[in-house]
Amino acid sequence: MKSKDLGAMSIEELVTRFEAIAVEQDNAISNDENGRYNRLFREMDTLKQELKRRDGDQRRALLPLLKHKNMQVRLKAAIATLAVDAAAARQSLQQISDSNIYPEAADARGMMTAIDDGTYTPS
């Protein structure tokens, strides 16, 4: 998806696309499709940048996804919202970690460790 296309989308459409990308990532992980996952990762990153660029940093529109039924959606929403609501995002990462559902639990633990040791700073 081109950034020009993203610029024409509403915030609600961007959130819906973010959710769809995360579900597609989950499927790619399950099917060991690394190339597909990497493409989706880049698309999601571009989408997050578009939300951040919008007035008031609209990544906060992703906060409802912290309660999504899909673990990958929750994980990606938590990571994306660390800079706008660190407490809610961190709580979600902890819940994912505590679930011991892999690979998301390991990813959540790794993100919390990176935040704690300063190797990752949300921006």
Protein backbone atom coordinates (compact mmCIF):
# COMPACT_ATOMS: atom_id res chain seq x y z
CA MET A 1 0.00 0.00 0.00
CA LYS A 2 1.42 3.35 -0.98
CA SER A 3 1.69 6.21 1.50
CA LYS A 4 -0.45 8.26 -0.91
CA ASP A 5 -3.22 5.70 -0.46
CA LEU A 6 -2.82 5.81 3.32
CA GLY A 7 -3.07 9.59 3.33
CA ALA A 8 -6.53 9.35 1.81
CA MET A 9 -7.79 6.87 4.40
CA SER A 10 -9.75 7.82 7.49
CA ILE A 11 -8.41 6.96 10.93
CA GLU A 12 -11.06 4.25 11.24
CA GLU A 13 -9.95 2.74 7.93
CA LEU A 14 -6.32 2.81 9.06
CA VAL A 15 -7.22 1.02 12.30
CA THR A 16 -9.20 -1.59 10.38
CA ARG A 17 -6.25 -2.12 8.03
CA PHE A 18 -3.85 -2.38 10.99
CA GLU A 19 -6.06 -5.09 12.48
CA ALA A 20 -6.22 -6.96 9.16
CA ILE A 21 -2.45 -6.79 8.73
CA ALA A 22 -1.90 -8.23 12.21
CA VAL A 23 -4.30 -11.11 11.48
CA GLU A 24 -2.47 -11.74 8.19
CA GLN A 25 0.83 -11.72 10.12
CA ASP A 26 -0.59 -14.34 12.47
CA ASN A 27 -1.47 -16.52 9.49
CA ALA A 28 1.97 -15.98 7.95
CA ILE A 29 3.63 -17.02 11.22
CA SER A 30 1.45 -20.14 11.43
CA ASN A 31 2.33 -21.10 7.86
CA ASP A 32 6.04 -20.26 8.22
CA GLU A 33 5.81 -17.64 5.45
CA ASN A 34 8.68 -15.38 6.45
CA GLY A 35 8.70 -13.31 3.26
CA ARG A 36 4.99 -12.59 3.56
CA TYR A 37 5.41 -11.68 7.24
CA ASN A 38 8.25 -9.28 6.40
CA ARG A 39 6.15 -7.57 3.70
CA LEU A 40 3.28 -7.20 6.17
CA PHE A 41 5.67 -5.88 8.82
CA ARG A 42 6.81 -3.12 6.46
CA GLU A 43 3.22 -2.29 5.52
CA MET A 44 2.26 -2.07 9.18
CA ASP A 45 5.21 0.18 9.93
CA THR A 46 4.17 2.56 7.15
CA LEU A 47 0.62 2.56 8.50
CA LYS A 48 1.82 3.33 12.06
CA GLN A 49 3.86 6.24 10.70
CA GLU A 50 0.76 7.59 8.97
CA LEU A 51 -1.22 7.43 12.23
CA LYS A 52 1.65 9.12 14.08
CA ARG A 53 1.80 11.87 11.46
CA ARG A 54 -1.88 12.74 11.90
CA ASP A 55 -2.79 15.62 14.22
CA GLY A 56 -2.46 14.61 17.85
CA ASP A 57 -0.68 11.31 17.05
CA GLN A 58 -3.58 9.09 16.14
CA ARG A 59 -1.86 5.86 17.18
CA ARG A 60 -4.13 6.19 20.20
CA ALA A 61 -6.94 5.02 17.90
CA LEU A 62 -5.31 1.57 18.14
CA LEU A 63 -5.90 1.33 21.91
CA PRO A 64 -9.22 -0.59 21.56
CA LEU A 65 -7.24 -3.34 19.77
CA LEU A 66 -5.50 -4.11 23.09
CA LYS A 67 -8.66 -6.12 23.89
CA HIS A 68 -8.84 -7.93 20.52
CA LYS A 69 -9.44 -11.69 20.54
CA ASN A 70 -6.38 -12.32 18.35
CA MET A 71 -3.11 -12.36 20.29
CA GLN A 72 -1.04 -11.02 17.38
CA VAL A 73 -3.40 -8.06 17.00
CA ARG A 74 -3.07 -7.31 20.73
CA LEU A 75 0.73 -7.62 20.59
CA LYS A 76 1.13 -5.32 17.60
CA ALA A 77 -1.34 -2.80 19.04
CA ALA A 78 0.54 -2.79 22.35
CA ILE A 79 3.87 -2.15 20.64
CA ALA A 80 2.35 0.56 18.44
CA THR A 81 0.78 2.39 21.38
CA LEU A 82 3.71 2.36 23.81
CA ALA A 83 4.50 6.00 22.99
CA VAL A 84 0.93 7.23 23.44
CA ASP A 85 -0.26 5.19 26.45
CA ALA A 86 2.68 3.36 27.99
CA ALA A 87 0.71 2.04 30.97
CA ALA A 88 -2.06 0.41 28.92
CA ALA A 89 0.40 -0.94 26.36
CA ARG A 90 2.69 -2.36 29.06
CA GLN A 91 -0.27 -4.00 30.83
CA SER A 92 -1.26 -5.65 27.57
CA LEU A 93 2.30 -6.86 26.95
CA GLN A 94 2.36 -8.33 30.45
CA GLN A 95 -0.94 -10.14 29.87
CA ILE A 96 0.37 -11.55 26.60
CA SER A 97 3.56 -12.66 28.34
CA ASP A 98 1.61 -14.27 31.17
CA SER A 99 -0.54 -16.22 28.70
CA ASN A 100 2.45 -18.32 27.63
CA ILE A 101 0.99 -18.49 24.13
CA TYR A 102 3.86 -18.54 21.69
CA PRO A 103 5.35 -16.85 19.77
CA GLU A 104 3.54 -13.74 21.00
CA ALA A 105 4.42 -14.33 24.66
CA ALA A 106 8.11 -14.42 23.79
CA ASP A 107 7.79 -11.28 21.66
CA ALA A 108 6.02 -9.46 24.51
CA ARG A 109 8.74 -10.50 26.97
CA GLY A 110 11.44 -9.38 24.58
CA MET A 111 9.78 -5.99 24.12
CA MET A 112 9.42 -5.44 27.87
CA THR A 113 13.06 -6.40 28.40
CA ALA A 114 14.18 -4.01 25.67
CA ILE A 115 12.18 -1.18 27.25
CA ASP A 116 13.50 -1.97 30.72
CA ASP A 117 17.14 -2.15 29.67
CA GLY A 118 16.89 0.92 27.45
CA THR A 119 17.62 -0.78 24.12
CA TYR A 120 14.15 0.28 22.90
CA THR A 121 12.62 3.65 23.52
CA PRO A 122 9.07 4.19 22.26
CA SER A 123 8.79 7.21 20.01
